[in-house]
Amino acid sequence: MATTTASKPSLAQKLRGLKGEVVKFGIVGLSGVVVNFAVFWVCINGLGLASVRSNIAATVIAIATNYLGYRYWLYRDRDAASRKREITLFLVYSGIGMLIETGVLGFSVYVLRLDSHYEQLGAKVIGLAVATVFRFVSYRTWVFKPAPEPVELPAQQAPDAAGDQGPAAQAELLLAAEPIRYAKAD
């Protein structure tokens, strides 16, 4: 029996789907940004930690909260066959995003000497924006992979002049002719 797939979506349909994904990604990301900035501010002002250390602590906590939103809300319909692989890739790409964000902050503080709390927040916003684009592309492409699409099987081969059918057609005919047997209930 051949399985067919639905017609491929048009570019407009793909863009509409991507728009919804971007909005949901933004909502989860915004919640992560709130966590990130709140922890960053507490670390800098409340605990007196250096900006780079504060950024790393804040980003690690935000990564953990974002994973839950991405896995269980945004990408809940994506293939989750290998959670270990998914979590590993999520942490790797999140770590790269954290390096991007921390690199921008470190450059701003230690090279440009923009070290007031508000200048640090501004650098954090810029770094976070660049890292967010990277994370969106990497999460949707490599981490939360789409579930495999149904494979379109080739049409059955037509019988040749001698009336010979292919092995798949012969197997289907044998299965169709097999009587159904029911097990007796005890």
N, C-alpha and C. Protein backbone atom coordinates (compact mmCIF):
# COMPACT_ATOMS: atom_id res chain seq x y z
N MET A 1 0.84 -1.18 0.00
CA MET A 1 0.00 0.00 0.00
C MET A 1 0.88 1.23 0.00
N ALA A 2 0.65 2.09 -0.90
CA ALA A 2 1.48 3.28 -1.04
C ALA A 2 0.97 4.38 -0.14
N THR A 3 1.88 5.06 0.49
CA THR A 3 1.55 6.21 1.33
C THR A 3 1.92 7.46 0.55
N THR A 4 1.00 8.39 0.49
CA THR A 4 1.29 9.62 -0.23
C THR A 4 1.34 10.76 0.75
N THR A 5 2.08 11.76 0.41
CA THR A 5 2.14 12.94 1.25
C THR A 5 1.25 14.02 0.65
N ALA A 6 0.83 14.93 1.50
CA ALA A 6 0.03 16.06 1.03
C ALA A 6 0.91 16.94 0.15
N SER A 7 0.25 17.75 -0.65
CA SER A 7 1.02 18.64 -1.51
C SER A 7 1.90 19.54 -0.65
N LYS A 8 3.05 19.90 -1.16
CA LYS A 8 4.00 20.71 -0.40
C LYS A 8 3.43 22.12 -0.20
N PRO A 9 3.63 22.69 1.01
CA PRO A 9 3.10 24.02 1.27
C PRO A 9 3.79 25.08 0.43
N SER A 10 3.04 26.11 0.11
CA SER A 10 3.59 27.21 -0.68
C SER A 10 4.51 28.05 0.20
N LEU A 11 5.25 28.95 -0.43
CA LEU A 11 6.15 29.83 0.31
C LEU A 11 5.37 30.70 1.29
N ALA A 12 4.19 31.18 0.88
CA ALA A 12 3.37 32.01 1.77
C ALA A 12 2.94 31.22 3.01
N GLN A 13 2.57 29.94 2.82
CA GLN A 13 2.18 29.11 3.95
C GLN A 13 3.36 28.87 4.88
N LYS A 14 4.54 28.63 4.31
CA LYS A 14 5.74 28.42 5.13
C LYS A 14 6.05 29.67 5.94
N LEU A 15 5.92 30.85 5.32
CA LEU A 15 6.21 32.10 6.02
C LEU A 15 5.21 32.36 7.13
N ARG A 16 3.92 32.01 6.89
CA ARG A 16 2.91 32.17 7.94
C ARG A 16 3.24 31.26 9.12
N GLY A 17 3.65 30.02 8.84
CA GLY A 17 4.04 29.09 9.89
C GLY A 17 5.27 29.58 10.64
N LEU A 18 6.22 30.14 9.89
CA LEU A 18 7.44 30.67 10.50
C LEU A 18 7.12 31.88 11.37
N LYS A 19 6.14 32.69 10.93
CA LYS A 19 5.75 33.87 11.71
C LYS A 19 5.23 33.44 13.08
N GLY A 20 4.37 32.42 13.10
CA GLY A 20 3.85 31.92 14.37
C GLY A 20 4.96 31.36 15.25
N GLU A 21 5.91 30.67 14.62
CA GLU A 21 7.03 30.12 15.37
C GLU A 21 7.90 31.23 15.95
N VAL A 22 8.12 32.28 15.17
CA VAL A 22 8.93 33.41 15.64
C VAL A 22 8.24 34.10 16.82
N VAL A 23 6.91 34.24 16.75
CA VAL A 23 6.17 34.88 17.84
C VAL A 23 6.29 34.05 19.11
N LYS A 24 6.08 32.74 19.00
CA LYS A 24 6.20 31.87 20.18
C LYS A 24 7.63 31.85 20.71
N PHE A 25 8.60 31.81 19.79
CA PHE A 25 10.00 31.86 20.20
C PHE A 25 10.26 33.15 20.97
N GLY A 26 9.68 34.25 20.49
CA GLY A 26 9.84 35.54 21.17
C GLY A 26 9.21 35.56 22.55
N ILE A 27 8.07 34.90 22.71
CA ILE A 27 7.41 34.88 24.02
C ILE A 27 8.26 34.09 25.02
N VAL A 28 8.71 32.90 24.60
CA VAL A 28 9.57 32.11 25.49
C VAL A 28 10.86 32.87 25.75
N GLY A 29 11.43 33.44 24.69
CA GLY A 29 12.67 34.19 24.84
C GLY A 29 12.50 35.39 25.73
N LEU A 30 11.37 36.08 25.63
CA LEU A 30 11.12 37.25 26.48
C LEU A 30 11.05 36.86 27.95
N SER A 31 10.43 35.72 28.23
CA SER A 31 10.41 35.27 29.62
C SER A 31 11.83 34.96 30.09
N GLY A 32 12.65 34.40 29.20
CA GLY A 32 14.04 34.14 29.54
C GLY A 32 14.83 35.43 29.74
N VAL A 33 14.52 36.44 28.94
CA VAL A 33 15.19 37.74 29.07
C VAL A 33 14.85 38.36 30.43
N VAL A 34 13.59 38.25 30.83
CA VAL A 34 13.20 38.79 32.14
C VAL A 34 13.97 38.08 33.25
N VAL A 35 14.05 36.76 33.18
CA VAL A 35 14.82 36.00 34.17
C VAL A 35 16.29 36.42 34.10
N ASN A 36 16.83 36.49 32.89
CA ASN A 36 18.23 36.82 32.68
C ASN A 36 18.58 38.19 33.28
N PHE A 37 17.80 39.20 32.95
CA PHE A 37 18.09 40.55 33.44
C PHE A 37 17.85 40.68 34.94
N ALA A 38 16.84 39.99 35.46
CA ALA A 38 16.59 40.06 36.90
C ALA A 38 17.75 39.44 37.68
N VAL A 39 18.20 38.27 37.24
CA VAL A 39 19.32 37.62 37.92
C VAL A 39 20.60 38.45 37.75
N PHE A 40 20.81 38.99 36.55
CA PHE A 40 21.99 39.83 36.29
C PHE A 40 22.01 41.04 37.23
N TRP A 41 20.88 41.70 37.34
CA TRP A 41 20.79 42.89 38.18
C TRP A 41 21.02 42.55 39.66
N VAL A 42 20.45 41.45 40.11
CA VAL A 42 20.66 41.02 41.49
C VAL A 42 22.12 40.68 41.74
N CYS A 43 22.74 39.99 40.78
CA CYS A 43 24.16 39.62 40.94
C CYS A 43 25.07 40.84 41.00
N ILE A 44 24.80 41.82 40.14
CA ILE A 44 25.64 43.02 40.11
C ILE A 44 25.40 43.90 41.34
N ASN A 45 24.14 44.19 41.60
CA ASN A 45 23.81 45.14 42.66
C ASN A 45 23.68 44.49 44.04
N GLY A 46 23.06 43.34 44.10
CA GLY A 46 22.83 42.70 45.39
C GLY A 46 24.02 41.91 45.90
N LEU A 47 24.67 41.17 45.00
CA LEU A 47 25.78 40.32 45.42
C LEU A 47 27.15 40.93 45.14
N GLY A 48 27.17 41.99 44.33
CA GLY A 48 28.43 42.67 44.03
C GLY A 48 29.38 41.87 43.15
N LEU A 49 28.84 40.96 42.34
CA LEU A 49 29.69 40.17 41.44
C LEU A 49 30.11 41.02 40.24
N ALA A 50 31.19 40.63 39.59
CA ALA A 50 31.65 41.29 38.37
C ALA A 50 30.63 41.05 37.26
N SER A 51 30.66 41.92 36.26
CA SER A 51 29.65 41.85 35.21
C SER A 51 29.68 40.56 34.41
N VAL A 52 30.86 40.06 34.07
CA VAL A 52 30.94 38.83 33.28
C VAL A 52 30.44 37.64 34.09
N ARG A 53 30.82 37.55 35.34
CA ARG A 53 30.33 36.46 36.21
C ARG A 53 28.82 36.56 36.38
N SER A 54 28.34 37.76 36.58
CA SER A 54 26.89 37.96 36.72
C SER A 54 26.17 37.54 35.46
N ASN A 55 26.74 37.87 34.31
CA ASN A 55 26.12 37.52 33.04
C ASN A 55 26.06 36.00 32.85
N ILE A 56 27.14 35.32 33.21
CA ILE A 56 27.16 33.87 33.05
C ILE A 56 26.13 33.21 33.97
N ALA A 57 26.06 33.63 35.21
CA ALA A 57 25.07 33.08 36.14
C ALA A 57 23.65 33.33 35.65
N ALA A 58 23.39 34.56 35.21
CA ALA A 58 22.05 34.91 34.73
C ALA A 58 21.68 34.13 33.48
N THR A 59 22.61 33.96 32.58
CA THR A 59 22.33 33.26 31.34
C THR A 59 22.10 31.77 31.58
N VAL A 60 22.86 31.17 32.46
CA VAL A 60 22.68 29.74 32.77
C VAL A 60 21.28 29.50 33.34
N ILE A 61 20.84 30.35 34.24
CA ILE A 61 19.50 30.20 34.81
C ILE A 61 18.43 30.42 33.74
N ALA A 62 18.62 31.40 32.88
CA ALA A 62 17.66 31.66 31.80
C ALA A 62 17.62 30.50 30.80
N ILE A 63 18.76 29.90 30.52
CA ILE A 63 18.81 28.75 29.60
C ILE A 63 17.94 27.62 30.14
N ALA A 64 18.03 27.36 31.42
CA ALA A 64 17.24 26.29 32.03
C ALA A 64 15.74 26.56 31.91
N THR A 65 15.33 27.80 32.18
CA THR A 65 13.90 28.11 32.08
C THR A 65 13.43 28.10 30.62
N ASN A 66 14.29 28.56 29.71
CA ASN A 66 13.91 28.58 28.30
C ASN A 66 13.75 27.18 27.73
N TYR A 67 14.59 26.24 28.15
CA TYR A 67 14.47 24.88 27.63
C TYR A 67 13.07 24.33 27.89
N LEU A 68 12.57 24.56 29.07
CA LEU A 68 11.23 24.07 29.41
C LEU A 68 10.17 24.67 28.49
N GLY A 69 10.28 25.97 28.22
CA GLY A 69 9.31 26.62 27.33
C GLY A 69 9.43 26.13 25.89
N TYR A 70 10.65 25.97 25.42
CA TYR A 70 10.83 25.51 24.04
C TYR A 70 10.36 24.07 23.87
N ARG A 71 10.76 23.19 24.76
CA ARG A 71 10.44 21.77 24.62
C ARG A 71 8.96 21.51 24.81
N TYR A 72 8.35 22.09 25.82
CA TYR A 72 6.98 21.72 26.18
C TYR A 72 5.91 22.66 25.65
N TRP A 73 6.29 23.75 25.00
CA TRP A 73 5.28 24.61 24.39
C TRP A 73 5.56 24.84 22.92
N LEU A 74 6.65 25.47 22.58
CA LEU A 74 6.93 25.84 21.20
C LEU A 74 7.20 24.63 20.31
N TYR A 75 8.09 23.76 20.72
CA TYR A 75 8.49 22.64 19.88
C TYR A 75 7.95 21.32 20.40
N ARG A 76 6.79 21.34 21.02
CA ARG A 76 6.23 20.11 21.59
C ARG A 76 5.89 19.07 20.52
N ASP A 77 5.63 19.52 19.28
CA ASP A 77 5.28 18.59 18.22
C ASP A 77 6.50 18.08 17.46
N ARG A 78 7.68 18.55 17.83
CA ARG A 78 8.89 18.12 17.15
C ARG A 78 9.35 16.77 17.68
N ASP A 79 10.18 16.13 16.90
CA ASP A 79 10.69 14.81 17.24
C ASP A 79 11.45 14.86 18.56
N ALA A 80 11.03 14.04 19.49
CA ALA A 80 11.69 13.99 20.80
C ALA A 80 12.22 12.58 21.06
N ALA A 81 12.63 11.91 19.98
CA ALA A 81 13.06 10.52 20.09
C ALA A 81 14.30 10.39 20.97
N SER A 82 15.18 11.34 20.92
CA SER A 82 16.42 11.26 21.70
C SER A 82 16.58 12.51 22.55
N ARG A 83 16.05 12.47 23.75
CA ARG A 83 16.14 13.63 24.64
C ARG A 83 17.59 13.92 25.02
N LYS A 84 18.39 12.88 25.19
CA LYS A 84 19.79 13.10 25.56
C LYS A 84 20.49 13.91 24.48
N ARG A 85 20.29 13.56 23.21
CA ARG A 85 20.87 14.29 22.08
C ARG A 85 20.34 15.71 22.06
N GLU A 86 19.03 15.85 22.25
CA GLU A 86 18.39 17.17 22.21
C GLU A 86 18.93 18.09 23.30
N ILE A 87 19.00 17.58 24.52
CA ILE A 87 19.48 18.40 25.63
C ILE A 87 20.95 18.75 25.43
N THR A 88 21.73 17.79 24.95
CA THR A 88 23.15 18.06 24.70
C THR A 88 23.31 19.17 23.67
N LEU A 89 22.61 19.06 22.56
CA LEU A 89 22.70 20.10 21.52
C LEU A 89 22.17 21.44 22.03
N PHE A 90 21.08 21.40 22.80
CA PHE A 90 20.53 22.63 23.36
C PHE A 90 21.56 23.33 24.22
N LEU A 91 22.23 22.56 25.07
CA LEU A 91 23.24 23.15 25.95
C LEU A 91 24.45 23.66 25.16
N VAL A 92 24.84 22.94 24.12
CA VAL A 92 25.98 23.38 23.30
C VAL A 92 25.64 24.70 22.60
N TYR A 93 24.48 24.76 21.92
CA TYR A 93 24.12 25.99 21.19
C TYR A 93 23.78 27.13 22.15
N SER A 94 23.20 26.80 23.30
CA SER A 94 22.95 27.84 24.30
C SER A 94 24.27 28.37 24.85
N GLY A 95 25.23 27.47 25.03
CA GLY A 95 26.55 27.90 25.48
C GLY A 95 27.23 28.81 24.48
N ILE A 96 27.11 28.49 23.20
CA ILE A 96 27.67 29.36 22.16
C ILE A 96 26.97 30.72 22.19
N GLY A 97 25.65 30.70 22.36
CA GLY A 97 24.91 31.96 22.49
C GLY A 97 25.37 32.75 23.70
N MET A 98 25.64 32.04 24.80
CA MET A 98 26.13 32.72 26.00
C MET A 98 27.51 33.33 25.74
N LEU A 99 28.36 32.62 25.00
CA LEU A 99 29.68 33.18 24.66
C LEU A 99 29.54 34.43 23.81
N ILE A 100 28.60 34.42 22.87
CA ILE A 100 28.37 35.61 22.04
C ILE A 100 27.94 36.78 22.93
N GLU A 101 26.95 36.52 23.78
CA GLU A 101 26.42 37.57 24.66
C GLU A 101 27.49 38.07 25.62
N THR A 102 28.22 37.17 26.24
CA THR A 102 29.26 37.54 27.19
C THR A 102 30.44 38.22 26.50
N GLY A 103 30.73 37.80 25.27
CA GLY A 103 31.80 38.44 24.50
C GLY A 103 31.50 39.90 24.21
N VAL A 104 30.26 40.18 23.82
CA VAL A 104 29.87 41.58 23.57
C VAL A 104 29.96 42.38 24.87
N LEU A 105 29.47 41.80 25.97
CA LEU A 105 29.53 42.50 27.26
C LEU A 105 30.98 42.72 27.70
N GLY A 106 31.81 41.69 27.58
CA GLY A 106 33.20 41.81 27.97
C GLY A 106 33.94 42.84 27.13
N PHE A 107 33.68 42.85 25.82
CA PHE A 107 34.29 43.84 24.93
C PHE A 107 33.89 45.25 25.35
N SER A 108 32.61 45.40 25.66
CA SER A 108 32.10 46.71 26.06
C SER A 108 32.75 47.19 27.38
N VAL A 109 32.85 46.29 28.34
CA VAL A 109 33.37 46.67 29.65
C VAL A 109 34.89 46.81 29.65
N TYR A 110 35.58 45.82 29.09
CA TYR A 110 37.04 45.78 29.25
C TYR A 110 37.82 46.44 28.12
N VAL A 111 37.21 46.61 26.96
CA VAL A 111 37.91 47.28 25.85
C VAL A 111 37.41 48.71 25.69
N LEU A 112 36.09 48.87 25.65
CA LEU A 112 35.52 50.21 25.46
C LEU A 112 35.40 50.99 26.78
N ARG A 113 35.59 50.32 27.89
CA ARG A 113 35.52 50.94 29.23
C ARG A 113 34.16 51.54 29.53
N LEU A 114 33.11 50.89 29.04
CA LEU A 114 31.74 51.30 29.36
C LEU A 114 31.32 50.46 30.56
N ASP A 115 31.58 50.95 31.76
CA ASP A 115 31.40 50.10 32.92
C ASP A 115 30.35 50.55 33.94
N SER A 116 29.55 51.53 33.60
CA SER A 116 28.45 51.85 34.51
C SER A 116 27.40 50.74 34.36
N HIS A 117 26.55 50.61 35.35
CA HIS A 117 25.54 49.56 35.32
C HIS A 117 24.62 49.69 34.10
N TYR A 118 24.27 50.90 33.74
CA TYR A 118 23.38 51.09 32.60
C TYR A 118 24.08 50.81 31.27
N GLU A 119 25.36 51.16 31.19
CA GLU A 119 26.13 50.82 29.99
C GLU A 119 26.30 49.31 29.87
N GLN A 120 26.47 48.64 30.99
CA GLN A 120 26.56 47.19 30.96
C GLN A 120 25.23 46.56 30.52
N LEU A 121 24.13 47.12 30.98
CA LEU A 121 22.82 46.63 30.54
C LEU A 121 22.64 46.84 29.04
N GLY A 122 23.10 47.99 28.53
CA GLY A 122 23.01 48.25 27.09
C GLY A 122 23.84 47.26 26.29
N ALA A 123 25.03 46.96 26.76
CA ALA A 123 25.87 45.97 26.08
C ALA A 123 25.24 44.59 26.16
N LYS A 124 24.61 44.31 27.27
CA LYS A 124 23.94 43.02 27.43
C LYS A 124 22.78 42.90 26.45
N VAL A 125 22.04 43.97 26.24
CA VAL A 125 20.93 43.96 25.27
C VAL A 125 21.45 43.67 23.86
N ILE A 126 22.52 44.33 23.47
CA ILE A 126 23.09 44.12 22.13
C ILE A 126 23.59 42.67 21.99
N GLY A 127 24.33 42.20 22.98
CA GLY A 127 24.82 40.82 22.93
C GLY A 127 23.69 39.81 22.91
N LEU A 128 22.66 40.08 23.69
CA LEU A 128 21.50 39.19 23.73
C LEU A 128 20.78 39.16 22.39
N ALA A 129 20.67 40.30 21.73
CA ALA A 129 20.01 40.34 20.42
C ALA A 129 20.76 39.49 19.39
N VAL A 130 22.07 39.62 19.34
CA VAL A 130 22.87 38.83 18.40
C VAL A 130 22.77 37.34 18.75
N ALA A 131 22.89 37.01 20.03
CA ALA A 131 22.81 35.62 20.46
C ALA A 131 21.44 35.02 20.21
N THR A 132 20.38 35.83 20.30
CA THR A 132 19.02 35.34 20.07
C THR A 132 18.84 34.89 18.63
N VAL A 133 19.34 35.66 17.69
CA VAL A 133 19.24 35.26 16.28
C VAL A 133 19.98 33.93 16.07
N PHE A 134 21.17 33.82 16.63
CA PHE A 134 21.93 32.58 16.52
C PHE A 134 21.15 31.41 17.13
N ARG A 135 20.60 31.61 18.30
CA ARG A 135 19.87 30.54 18.99
C ARG A 135 18.63 30.12 18.21
N PHE A 136 17.88 31.09 17.68
CA PHE A 136 16.68 30.74 16.92
C PHE A 136 17.03 29.82 15.76
N VAL A 137 18.02 30.21 14.99
CA VAL A 137 18.41 29.41 13.82
C VAL A 137 18.91 28.03 14.25
N SER A 138 19.75 27.98 15.26
CA SER A 138 20.32 26.69 15.65
C SER A 138 19.28 25.80 16.33
N TYR A 139 18.41 26.32 17.17
CA TYR A 139 17.41 25.49 17.85
C TYR A 139 16.45 24.87 16.84
N ARG A 140 15.94 25.69 15.92
CA ARG A 140 14.95 25.14 14.98
C ARG A 140 15.59 24.25 13.93
N THR A 141 16.87 24.43 13.66
CA THR A 141 17.52 23.65 12.62
C THR A 141 18.11 22.36 13.16
N TRP A 142 18.79 22.42 14.30
CA TRP A 142 19.55 21.26 14.76
C TRP A 142 19.06 20.66 16.06
N VAL A 143 18.48 21.45 16.95
CA VAL A 143 18.12 20.92 18.27
C VAL A 143 16.73 20.30 18.25
N PHE A 144 15.71 21.08 17.94
CA PHE A 144 14.34 20.59 17.91
C PHE A 144 13.98 20.27 16.47
N LYS A 145 14.49 19.13 15.99
CA LYS A 145 14.31 18.76 14.59
C LYS A 145 12.85 18.41 14.33
N PRO A 146 12.35 18.76 13.14
CA PRO A 146 10.98 18.36 12.81
C PRO A 146 10.86 16.84 12.80
N ALA A 147 9.67 16.37 13.14
CA ALA A 147 9.42 14.93 13.07
C ALA A 147 9.56 14.50 11.61
N PRO A 148 10.05 13.30 11.37
CA PRO A 148 10.23 12.86 9.99
C PRO A 148 8.90 12.85 9.24
N GLU A 149 8.95 13.31 8.01
CA GLU A 149 7.74 13.32 7.18
C GLU A 149 7.51 11.93 6.63
N PRO A 150 6.24 11.60 6.33
CA PRO A 150 5.96 10.29 5.73
C PRO A 150 6.71 10.14 4.42
N VAL A 151 7.22 8.96 4.22
CA VAL A 151 7.98 8.69 3.00
C VAL A 151 7.01 8.31 1.90
N GLU A 152 7.20 8.92 0.77
CA GLU A 152 6.36 8.61 -0.37
C GLU A 152 6.92 7.38 -1.05
N LEU A 153 6.11 6.32 -1.07
CA LEU A 153 6.55 5.08 -1.68
C LEU A 153 6.33 5.14 -3.18
N PRO A 154 7.22 4.52 -3.97
CA PRO A 154 7.00 4.50 -5.42
C PRO A 154 5.78 3.67 -5.75
N ALA A 155 5.12 4.04 -6.83
CA ALA A 155 3.94 3.31 -7.27
C ALA A 155 4.33 1.88 -7.59
N GLN A 156 3.37 0.96 -7.40
CA GLN A 156 3.65 -0.43 -7.71
C GLN A 156 3.96 -0.58 -9.19
N GLN A 157 4.85 -1.49 -9.46
CA GLN A 157 5.19 -1.72 -10.85
C GLN A 157 4.04 -2.45 -11.53
N ALA A 158 3.77 -2.06 -12.73
CA ALA A 158 2.71 -2.71 -13.50
C ALA A 158 3.16 -4.11 -13.89
N PRO A 159 2.24 -5.08 -13.94
CA PRO A 159 2.64 -6.42 -14.35
C PRO A 159 3.13 -6.39 -15.79
N ASP A 160 4.12 -7.23 -16.05
CA ASP A 160 4.62 -7.26 -17.42
C ASP A 160 3.71 -8.11 -18.30
N ALA A 161 4.12 -8.33 -19.50
CA ALA A 161 3.28 -9.03 -20.49
C ALA A 161 2.89 -10.42 -20.02
N ALA A 162 3.71 -11.08 -19.21
CA ALA A 162 3.42 -12.43 -18.76
C ALA A 162 2.49 -12.43 -17.56
N GLY A 163 2.09 -11.26 -17.09
CA GLY A 163 1.20 -11.15 -15.94
C GLY A 163 1.95 -11.26 -14.62
N ASP A 164 3.27 -11.13 -14.66
CA ASP A 164 4.10 -11.23 -13.47
C ASP A 164 4.00 -9.94 -12.67
N GLN A 165 3.82 -10.03 -11.36
CA GLN A 165 3.76 -8.85 -10.52
C GLN A 165 5.01 -8.78 -9.66
N GLY A 166 5.31 -7.57 -9.15
CA GLY A 166 6.47 -7.38 -8.29
C GLY A 166 6.27 -8.07 -6.95
N PRO A 167 7.35 -8.26 -6.18
CA PRO A 167 7.26 -8.96 -4.89
C PRO A 167 6.33 -8.28 -3.89
N ALA A 168 6.28 -6.94 -3.89
CA ALA A 168 5.41 -6.24 -2.94
C ALA A 168 3.95 -6.53 -3.26
N ALA A 169 3.59 -6.51 -4.52
CA ALA A 169 2.21 -6.79 -4.92
C ALA A 169 1.84 -8.22 -4.58
N GLN A 170 2.78 -9.14 -4.79
CA GLN A 170 2.51 -10.54 -4.47
C GLN A 170 2.30 -10.71 -2.96
N ALA A 171 3.10 -10.03 -2.15
CA ALA A 171 2.96 -10.12 -0.70
C ALA A 171 1.62 -9.56 -0.25
N GLU A 172 1.19 -8.46 -0.85
CA GLU A 172 -0.12 -7.89 -0.51
C GLU A 172 -1.24 -8.84 -0.86
N LEU A 173 -1.15 -9.50 -2.00
CA LEU A 173 -2.18 -10.46 -2.39
C LEU A 173 -2.22 -11.65 -1.44
N LEU A 174 -1.05 -12.13 -1.01
CA LEU A 174 -1.01 -13.25 -0.05
C LEU A 174 -1.63 -12.85 1.28
N LEU A 175 -1.31 -11.63 1.76
CA LEU A 175 -1.88 -11.18 3.03
C LEU A 175 -3.38 -10.97 2.94
N ALA A 176 -3.85 -10.50 1.81
CA ALA A 176 -5.29 -10.28 1.63
C ALA A 176 -6.03 -11.61 1.59
N ALA A 177 -5.41 -12.66 1.05
CA ALA A 177 -6.06 -13.95 0.93
C ALA A 177 -5.98 -14.75 2.24
N GLU A 178 -5.14 -14.37 3.15
CA GLU A 178 -4.96 -15.10 4.42
C GLU A 178 -6.21 -14.95 5.27
N PRO A 179 -6.75 -16.07 5.75
CA PRO A 179 -7.94 -15.98 6.60
C PRO A 179 -7.58 -15.37 7.95
N ILE A 180 -8.51 -14.64 8.51
CA ILE A 180 -8.30 -14.01 9.81
C ILE A 180 -8.61 -15.05 10.88
N ARG A 181 -7.69 -15.23 11.79
CA ARG A 181 -7.87 -16.21 12.87
C ARG A 181 -7.93 -15.45 14.18
N TYR A 182 -8.87 -15.80 14.98
CA TYR A 182 -9.04 -15.17 16.28
C TYR A 182 -8.59 -16.12 17.37
N ALA A 183 -7.95 -15.61 18.39
CA ALA A 183 -7.55 -16.43 19.52
C ALA A 183 -8.74 -16.68 20.41
N LYS A 184 -8.82 -17.88 20.97
CA LYS A 184 -9.92 -18.21 21.86
C LYS A 184 -9.69 -17.55 23.21
N ALA A 185 -10.75 -17.01 23.78
CA ALA A 185 -10.67 -16.41 25.10
C ALA A 185 -10.76 -17.52 26.14
N ASP A 186 -9.97 -17.43 27.17
CA ASP A 186 -9.99 -18.45 28.23
C ASP A 186 -11.13 -18.24 29.16
